[in-house]
Amino acid sequence: MQITVRYFAALREARGCDEEALAVSEGTDVAALYQQIFSDSPLAVLRVMFAVNQSYVGANHGLVDGDEVAFIPPLGGG
């Protein structure tokens, strides 16, 4: 199935793009997708928020064909 993944902040820098289309297996959840994408990066352990189709979801939210996934890293500032 095809999904679109959007990246923000450090995740965007690591991937070198704002978004990309990916093929994923049926039954993939957002946490597994994040680990698949960032498994070779120090960002793999970053606690990110997940959104699917512009709504926040839990880590075990299952993906379906056509979903738009966003990985949102913690925000810093002061």
Protein backbone atom coordinates (compact mmCIF):
# COMPACT_ATOMS: atom_id res chain seq x y z
CA MET A 1 0.00 0.00 0.00
CA GLN A 2 1.11 3.58 -0.63
CA ILE A 3 1.30 6.29 2.02
CA THR A 4 2.75 9.79 2.22
CA VAL A 5 5.14 10.64 5.05
CA ARG A 6 5.77 14.24 6.14
CA TYR A 7 8.85 15.23 8.15
CA PHE A 8 9.49 18.24 10.37
CA ALA A 9 12.57 19.91 11.92
CA ALA A 10 15.50 17.52 12.56
CA LEU A 11 13.63 14.66 10.90
CA ARG A 12 13.32 16.70 7.70
CA GLU A 13 17.05 17.48 7.84
CA ALA A 14 17.91 13.81 8.35
CA ARG A 15 15.78 12.64 5.42
CA GLY A 16 16.66 15.55 3.14
CA CYS A 17 13.04 16.19 2.17
CA ASP A 18 9.75 17.54 3.51
CA GLU A 19 7.72 14.54 2.41
CA GLU A 20 7.93 11.36 0.42
CA ALA A 21 5.68 8.59 -0.85
CA LEU A 22 6.48 5.13 0.49
CA ALA A 23 5.18 1.62 -0.02
CA VAL A 24 4.51 -0.20 3.25
CA SER A 25 3.21 -3.64 4.14
CA GLU A 26 -0.36 -4.22 5.30
CA GLY A 27 -0.58 -4.14 9.08
CA THR A 28 2.25 -1.63 9.55
CA ASP A 29 1.70 0.76 12.46
CA VAL A 30 3.15 4.25 12.78
CA ALA A 31 5.80 3.29 15.36
CA ALA A 32 7.08 0.44 13.17
CA LEU A 33 7.20 2.77 10.18
CA TYR A 34 9.20 5.33 12.16
CA GLN A 35 11.67 2.65 13.27
CA GLN A 36 11.95 1.33 9.72
CA ILE A 37 12.77 4.79 8.36
CA PHE A 38 15.16 5.91 11.09
CA SER A 39 16.67 2.58 12.23
CA ASP A 40 20.20 3.62 11.17
CA SER A 41 19.97 7.06 12.75
CA PRO A 42 20.40 8.44 16.27
CA LEU A 43 16.89 9.82 15.72
CA ALA A 44 15.53 6.28 16.09
CA VAL A 45 15.31 6.81 19.87
CA LEU A 46 13.74 10.27 19.64
CA ARG A 47 10.28 10.45 21.23
CA VAL A 48 8.14 11.81 18.42
CA MET A 49 4.43 12.43 18.11
CA PHE A 50 2.52 10.69 15.35
CA ALA A 51 -0.29 12.08 13.25
CA VAL A 52 -2.28 10.30 10.57
CA ASN A 53 -4.47 12.32 8.23
CA GLN A 54 -3.89 15.41 10.41
CA SER A 55 -5.06 13.80 13.68
CA TYR A 56 -2.75 12.72 16.49
CA VAL A 57 -2.65 8.95 16.99
CA GLY A 58 -0.98 6.45 19.29
CA ALA A 59 2.11 4.48 18.35
CA ASN A 60 0.16 1.33 17.49
CA HIS A 61 -2.20 3.04 15.03
CA GLY A 62 -2.43 0.84 11.92
CA LEU A 63 -1.94 2.39 8.51
CA VAL A 64 -4.16 1.98 5.47
CA ASP A 65 -3.60 2.76 1.82
CA GLY A 66 -3.52 6.49 1.08
CA ASP A 67 -2.79 7.65 4.64
CA GLU A 68 -0.73 10.77 5.25
CA VAL A 69 1.63 10.24 8.20
CA ALA A 70 3.45 13.03 10.00
CA PHE A 71 6.33 12.54 12.43
CA ILE A 72 6.55 15.50 14.78
CA PRO A 73 9.68 15.79 16.94
CA PRO A 74 9.74 17.52 20.33
CA LEU A 75 9.87 21.28 20.10
CA GLY A 76 12.56 23.23 21.87
CA GLY A 77 12.78 26.84 22.72
CA GLY A 78 13.02 29.19 25.55
